């Protein structure tokens, strides 16, 4: 699923209305939620971050670790394309976001910056 959903759903919905993603992000189905977050990887790779960031924000405080990992992963991928966009999102949420999502998101940051972020210090 993680290796294919962005090629299928992400590609299909690239230039289409994404309201289905937001609706199903509110569902109680963990795997659907994860598929919709990871499908945004296709858009991220094409420099389109708005929907990926909106889905990340919508699911950021989800109760399940698998969603935290997916959100952190997509944030890291956004940072690979535009580090300022990722940092902007993190500056808004890093104090309160789940540790797993934060750890995945900052995995490629310089070790000193990672330490500051994880300590809750401004970066």
N, C-alpha and C. Protein backbone atom coordinates (compact mmCIF):
# COMPACT_ATOMS: atom_id res chain seq x y z
N UNK A 1 0.82 -1.18 0.00
CA UNK A 1 0.00 0.00 0.00
C UNK A 1 0.87 1.25 0.00
N UNK A 2 1.85 1.32 0.90
CA UNK A 2 2.69 2.52 0.99
C UNK A 2 3.46 2.79 -0.30
N UNK A 3 3.79 1.74 -1.02
CA UNK A 3 4.60 1.92 -2.23
C UNK A 3 3.76 2.12 -3.49
N UNK A 4 2.45 1.96 -3.39
CA UNK A 4 1.64 2.07 -4.61
C UNK A 4 0.54 3.13 -4.58
N UNK A 5 0.00 3.45 -3.41
CA UNK A 5 -1.18 4.33 -3.39
C UNK A 5 -0.90 5.70 -3.96
N UNK A 6 0.29 6.23 -3.76
CA UNK A 6 0.56 7.55 -4.33
C UNK A 6 0.64 7.51 -5.84
N UNK A 7 1.09 6.37 -6.40
CA UNK A 7 1.13 6.24 -7.86
C UNK A 7 -0.27 6.12 -8.46
N UNK A 8 -1.18 5.54 -7.70
CA UNK A 8 -2.54 5.31 -8.22
C UNK A 8 -3.46 6.49 -7.86
N UNK A 9 -3.75 6.63 -6.57
CA UNK A 9 -4.68 7.69 -6.15
C UNK A 9 -4.06 9.08 -6.30
N UNK A 10 -2.81 9.21 -5.89
CA UNK A 10 -2.15 10.51 -6.00
C UNK A 10 -2.12 11.00 -7.43
N UNK A 11 -1.76 10.11 -8.35
CA UNK A 11 -1.72 10.46 -9.77
C UNK A 11 -3.11 10.81 -10.28
N UNK A 12 -4.09 9.96 -9.96
CA UNK A 12 -5.45 10.17 -10.45
C UNK A 12 -6.02 11.51 -9.97
N UNK A 13 -5.73 11.87 -8.71
CA UNK A 13 -6.32 13.08 -8.14
C UNK A 13 -5.44 14.32 -8.27
N UNK A 14 -4.35 14.24 -8.98
CA UNK A 14 -3.43 15.37 -9.07
C UNK A 14 -4.15 16.67 -9.44
N UNK A 15 -4.92 16.64 -10.50
CA UNK A 15 -5.62 17.84 -10.97
C UNK A 15 -7.12 17.74 -10.78
N UNK A 16 -7.55 16.93 -9.83
CA UNK A 16 -8.97 16.76 -9.55
C UNK A 16 -9.30 17.29 -8.15
N UNK A 17 -10.59 17.44 -7.91
CA UNK A 17 -11.08 17.84 -6.60
C UNK A 17 -10.66 16.80 -5.55
N UNK A 18 -10.13 17.25 -4.46
CA UNK A 18 -9.62 16.34 -3.43
C UNK A 18 -10.53 16.28 -2.20
N UNK A 19 -11.77 16.70 -2.34
CA UNK A 19 -12.68 16.70 -1.20
C UNK A 19 -12.89 15.29 -0.64
N UNK A 20 -12.79 14.27 -1.48
CA UNK A 20 -12.90 12.89 -1.00
C UNK A 20 -11.82 12.59 0.04
N UNK A 21 -10.62 13.09 -0.17
CA UNK A 21 -9.53 12.87 0.77
C UNK A 21 -9.85 13.46 2.14
N UNK A 22 -10.41 14.66 2.14
CA UNK A 22 -10.74 15.31 3.40
C UNK A 22 -11.89 14.60 4.10
N UNK A 23 -12.85 14.15 3.32
CA UNK A 23 -14.00 13.43 3.89
C UNK A 23 -13.53 12.12 4.53
N UNK A 24 -12.71 11.37 3.81
CA UNK A 24 -12.28 10.08 4.33
C UNK A 24 -11.21 10.21 5.41
N UNK A 25 -10.53 11.33 5.46
CA UNK A 25 -9.60 11.57 6.56
C UNK A 25 -10.36 11.66 7.88
N UNK A 26 -11.64 12.02 7.80
CA UNK A 26 -12.49 12.08 9.00
C UNK A 26 -13.12 10.74 9.34
N UNK A 27 -12.91 9.73 8.52
CA UNK A 27 -13.53 8.43 8.78
C UNK A 27 -12.85 7.76 9.98
N UNK A 28 -13.39 6.64 10.39
CA UNK A 28 -12.80 5.87 11.48
C UNK A 28 -11.94 4.72 10.97
N UNK A 29 -11.64 4.72 9.70
CA UNK A 29 -10.91 3.62 9.09
C UNK A 29 -9.43 3.99 8.96
N UNK A 30 -8.61 3.40 9.81
CA UNK A 30 -7.19 3.72 9.89
C UNK A 30 -6.48 3.58 8.55
N UNK A 31 -6.73 2.50 7.84
CA UNK A 31 -5.99 2.24 6.60
C UNK A 31 -6.40 3.20 5.49
N UNK A 32 -7.64 3.59 5.46
CA UNK A 32 -8.06 4.61 4.49
C UNK A 32 -7.37 5.93 4.79
N UNK A 33 -7.33 6.28 6.05
CA UNK A 33 -6.66 7.52 6.44
C UNK A 33 -5.19 7.49 6.03
N UNK A 34 -4.53 6.39 6.27
CA UNK A 34 -3.11 6.29 5.91
C UNK A 34 -2.93 6.36 4.39
N UNK A 35 -3.78 5.68 3.66
CA UNK A 35 -3.70 5.72 2.19
C UNK A 35 -3.83 7.15 1.69
N UNK A 36 -4.74 7.91 2.26
CA UNK A 36 -4.95 9.27 1.78
C UNK A 36 -3.80 10.19 2.14
N UNK A 37 -3.18 9.98 3.28
CA UNK A 37 -2.00 10.78 3.61
C UNK A 37 -0.86 10.45 2.65
N UNK A 38 -0.59 9.18 2.47
CA UNK A 38 0.54 8.77 1.64
C UNK A 38 0.29 9.05 0.16
N UNK A 39 -0.94 9.07 -0.27
CA UNK A 39 -1.24 9.43 -1.66
C UNK A 39 -0.77 10.84 -1.98
N UNK A 40 -0.69 11.68 -0.97
CA UNK A 40 -0.24 13.06 -1.20
C UNK A 40 1.24 13.13 -1.61
N UNK A 41 1.96 12.05 -1.44
CA UNK A 41 3.37 12.01 -1.86
C UNK A 41 3.51 12.32 -3.35
N UNK A 42 2.57 11.88 -4.15
CA UNK A 42 2.60 12.17 -5.59
C UNK A 42 2.54 13.68 -5.84
N UNK A 43 1.70 14.36 -5.09
CA UNK A 43 1.57 15.82 -5.26
C UNK A 43 2.82 16.52 -4.74
N UNK A 44 3.32 16.04 -3.62
CA UNK A 44 4.52 16.63 -3.03
C UNK A 44 5.67 16.57 -4.02
N UNK A 45 5.84 15.43 -4.66
CA UNK A 45 6.95 15.26 -5.61
C UNK A 45 6.83 16.22 -6.78
N UNK A 46 5.65 16.76 -7.00
CA UNK A 46 5.43 17.71 -8.08
C UNK A 46 5.35 19.14 -7.56
N UNK A 47 5.75 19.33 -6.31
CA UNK A 47 5.81 20.68 -5.73
C UNK A 47 4.48 21.25 -5.31
N UNK A 48 3.49 20.41 -5.15
CA UNK A 48 2.15 20.85 -4.73
C UNK A 48 1.93 20.42 -3.29
N UNK A 49 2.05 21.37 -2.39
CA UNK A 49 2.05 21.04 -0.96
C UNK A 49 0.75 21.34 -0.22
N UNK A 50 -0.10 22.17 -0.78
CA UNK A 50 -1.25 22.67 -0.02
C UNK A 50 -2.14 21.55 0.53
N UNK A 51 -2.54 20.62 -0.31
CA UNK A 51 -3.42 19.55 0.17
C UNK A 51 -2.68 18.60 1.11
N UNK A 52 -1.42 18.34 0.84
CA UNK A 52 -0.63 17.48 1.72
C UNK A 52 -0.52 18.11 3.10
N UNK A 53 -0.28 19.41 3.16
CA UNK A 53 -0.19 20.10 4.46
C UNK A 53 -1.53 20.13 5.17
N UNK A 54 -2.60 20.33 4.42
CA UNK A 54 -3.93 20.35 5.02
C UNK A 54 -4.29 18.98 5.59
N UNK A 55 -3.98 17.92 4.86
CA UNK A 55 -4.24 16.57 5.37
C UNK A 55 -3.36 16.27 6.58
N UNK A 56 -2.11 16.72 6.54
CA UNK A 56 -1.21 16.52 7.69
C UNK A 56 -1.77 17.22 8.92
N UNK A 57 -2.23 18.43 8.73
CA UNK A 57 -2.79 19.18 9.86
C UNK A 57 -4.07 18.52 10.38
N UNK A 58 -4.88 18.03 9.47
CA UNK A 58 -6.14 17.37 9.85
C UNK A 58 -5.90 16.10 10.66
N UNK A 59 -4.84 15.37 10.32
CA UNK A 59 -4.59 14.08 10.98
C UNK A 59 -3.41 14.12 11.96
N UNK A 60 -2.87 15.28 12.21
CA UNK A 60 -1.67 15.41 13.03
C UNK A 60 -1.85 14.83 14.43
N UNK A 61 -3.00 14.99 15.02
CA UNK A 61 -3.22 14.54 16.39
C UNK A 61 -4.05 13.25 16.46
N UNK A 62 -4.00 12.48 15.40
CA UNK A 62 -4.68 11.18 15.34
C UNK A 62 -4.17 10.30 16.49
N UNK A 63 -4.99 9.37 16.92
CA UNK A 63 -4.58 8.54 18.06
C UNK A 63 -3.63 7.41 17.69
N UNK A 64 -3.48 7.09 16.41
CA UNK A 64 -2.69 5.93 16.04
C UNK A 64 -1.31 6.30 15.50
N UNK A 65 -0.33 5.56 15.95
CA UNK A 65 1.07 5.76 15.58
C UNK A 65 1.32 5.62 14.07
N UNK A 66 0.57 4.76 13.39
CA UNK A 66 0.75 4.59 11.95
C UNK A 66 0.41 5.86 11.17
N UNK A 67 -0.51 6.63 11.68
CA UNK A 67 -0.83 7.91 11.04
C UNK A 67 0.25 8.93 11.37
N UNK A 68 0.76 8.92 12.59
CA UNK A 68 1.86 9.82 12.96
C UNK A 68 3.06 9.59 12.05
N UNK A 69 3.37 8.33 11.81
CA UNK A 69 4.51 8.00 10.94
C UNK A 69 4.27 8.51 9.52
N UNK A 70 3.07 8.31 9.00
CA UNK A 70 2.75 8.75 7.64
C UNK A 70 2.81 10.27 7.53
N UNK A 71 2.26 10.96 8.50
CA UNK A 71 2.28 12.42 8.48
C UNK A 71 3.72 12.93 8.56
N UNK A 72 4.51 12.38 9.47
CA UNK A 72 5.91 12.79 9.58
C UNK A 72 6.69 12.52 8.31
N UNK A 73 6.43 11.39 7.70
CA UNK A 73 7.09 11.02 6.45
C UNK A 73 6.77 12.04 5.36
N UNK A 74 5.48 12.41 5.22
CA UNK A 74 5.10 13.36 4.18
C UNK A 74 5.67 14.75 4.47
N UNK A 75 5.73 15.12 5.73
CA UNK A 75 6.35 16.41 6.07
C UNK A 75 7.83 16.41 5.69
N UNK A 76 8.51 15.31 5.96
CA UNK A 76 9.93 15.19 5.58
C UNK A 76 10.08 15.29 4.06
N UNK A 77 9.17 14.68 3.31
CA UNK A 77 9.23 14.75 1.85
C UNK A 77 8.97 16.17 1.36
N UNK A 78 8.09 16.88 2.02
CA UNK A 78 7.91 18.29 1.67
C UNK A 78 9.21 19.04 1.90
N UNK A 79 9.86 18.76 3.02
CA UNK A 79 11.14 19.41 3.32
C UNK A 79 12.21 19.08 2.32
N UNK A 80 12.16 17.91 1.73
CA UNK A 80 13.13 17.55 0.68
C UNK A 80 12.96 18.44 -0.55
N UNK A 81 11.74 18.90 -0.78
CA UNK A 81 11.47 19.77 -1.94
C UNK A 81 11.61 21.25 -1.58
N UNK A 82 11.16 21.61 -0.37
CA UNK A 82 11.20 23.01 0.06
C UNK A 82 11.29 23.04 1.60
N UNK A 83 12.48 23.18 2.10
CA UNK A 83 12.70 23.11 3.55
C UNK A 83 11.97 24.23 4.30
N UNK A 84 11.79 25.37 3.67
CA UNK A 84 11.11 26.48 4.35
C UNK A 84 9.63 26.17 4.57
N UNK A 85 9.01 25.47 3.65
CA UNK A 85 7.60 25.10 3.82
C UNK A 85 7.47 24.14 4.99
N UNK A 86 8.34 23.14 5.04
CA UNK A 86 8.30 22.19 6.16
C UNK A 86 8.56 22.91 7.48
N UNK A 87 9.56 23.75 7.52
CA UNK A 87 9.89 24.48 8.76
C UNK A 87 8.73 25.36 9.20
N UNK A 88 8.05 25.97 8.25
CA UNK A 88 6.89 26.80 8.60
C UNK A 88 5.81 25.98 9.29
N UNK A 89 5.53 24.79 8.77
CA UNK A 89 4.55 23.91 9.38
C UNK A 89 5.01 23.49 10.77
N UNK A 90 6.28 23.09 10.87
CA UNK A 90 6.81 22.62 12.15
C UNK A 90 6.83 23.71 13.20
N UNK A 91 7.19 24.93 12.82
CA UNK A 91 7.21 26.03 13.79
C UNK A 91 5.83 26.25 14.40
N UNK A 92 4.81 25.97 13.65
CA UNK A 92 3.44 26.12 14.14
C UNK A 92 3.05 24.98 15.08
N UNK A 93 3.61 23.78 14.87
CA UNK A 93 3.10 22.60 15.58
C UNK A 93 4.11 21.82 16.41
N UNK A 94 5.40 22.10 16.30
CA UNK A 94 6.39 21.19 16.88
C UNK A 94 6.28 21.00 18.38
N UNK A 95 5.82 21.99 19.10
CA UNK A 95 5.71 21.89 20.56
C UNK A 95 4.68 20.83 20.95
N UNK A 96 3.58 20.76 20.22
CA UNK A 96 2.47 19.90 20.64
C UNK A 96 2.25 18.66 19.79
N UNK A 97 2.92 18.56 18.64
CA UNK A 97 2.63 17.43 17.76
C UNK A 97 3.19 16.13 18.34
N UNK A 98 2.61 15.00 17.95
CA UNK A 98 3.09 13.71 18.46
C UNK A 98 4.58 13.52 18.15
N UNK A 99 5.27 12.96 19.10
CA UNK A 99 6.72 12.78 19.00
C UNK A 99 7.11 11.93 17.79
N UNK A 100 6.34 10.92 17.47
CA UNK A 100 6.66 10.07 16.33
C UNK A 100 6.61 10.86 15.04
N UNK A 101 5.56 11.63 14.85
CA UNK A 101 5.44 12.45 13.63
C UNK A 101 6.59 13.44 13.56
N UNK A 102 6.89 14.07 14.67
CA UNK A 102 7.98 15.04 14.71
C UNK A 102 9.32 14.38 14.39
N UNK A 103 9.58 13.23 14.97
CA UNK A 103 10.84 12.52 14.72
C UNK A 103 11.00 12.16 13.24
N UNK A 104 9.94 11.67 12.63
CA UNK A 104 10.00 11.34 11.20
C UNK A 104 10.23 12.61 10.37
N UNK A 105 9.56 13.69 10.74
CA UNK A 105 9.64 14.92 9.97
C UNK A 105 11.03 15.55 10.00
N UNK A 106 11.72 15.43 11.13
CA UNK A 106 13.02 16.10 11.28
C UNK A 106 14.20 15.16 11.13
N UNK A 107 13.96 13.98 10.66
CA UNK A 107 14.99 12.95 10.53
C UNK A 107 16.24 13.43 9.78
N UNK A 108 16.07 14.27 8.78
CA UNK A 108 17.20 14.71 7.95
C UNK A 108 17.75 16.07 8.37
N UNK A 109 17.24 16.64 9.44
CA UNK A 109 17.76 17.91 9.92
C UNK A 109 19.14 17.70 10.53
N UNK A 110 19.89 18.76 10.63
CA UNK A 110 21.19 18.71 11.29
C UNK A 110 20.97 18.26 12.74
N UNK A 111 21.85 17.42 13.28
CA UNK A 111 21.67 16.90 14.65
C UNK A 111 21.45 17.98 15.71
N UNK A 112 22.14 19.09 15.61
CA UNK A 112 21.97 20.16 16.60
C UNK A 112 20.57 20.76 16.54
N UNK A 113 20.04 20.92 15.33
CA UNK A 113 18.69 21.46 15.17
C UNK A 113 17.67 20.46 15.66
N UNK A 114 17.88 19.16 15.35
CA UNK A 114 16.97 18.12 15.85
C UNK A 114 16.89 18.16 17.37
N UNK A 115 18.03 18.27 18.03
CA UNK A 115 18.06 18.30 19.50
C UNK A 115 17.26 19.49 20.03
N UNK A 116 17.44 20.63 19.40
CA UNK A 116 16.71 21.83 19.85
C UNK A 116 15.20 21.65 19.67
N UNK A 117 14.82 21.12 18.54
CA UNK A 117 13.39 20.91 18.28
C UNK A 117 12.80 19.93 19.28
N UNK A 118 13.49 18.82 19.48
CA UNK A 118 12.99 17.79 20.40
C UNK A 118 12.96 18.29 21.85
N UNK A 119 13.81 19.25 22.16
CA UNK A 119 13.81 19.85 23.50
C UNK A 119 12.75 20.94 23.63
N UNK A 120 12.05 21.24 22.54
CA UNK A 120 11.00 22.25 22.56
C UNK A 120 11.54 23.67 22.46
N UNK A 121 12.79 23.80 22.01
CA UNK A 121 13.39 25.12 21.86
C UNK A 121 13.10 25.67 20.47
N UNK A 122 13.13 26.97 20.36
CA UNK A 122 12.92 27.62 19.06
C UNK A 122 14.06 27.25 18.12
N UNK A 123 13.75 27.17 16.86
CA UNK A 123 14.78 26.83 15.89
C UNK A 123 14.71 27.74 14.68
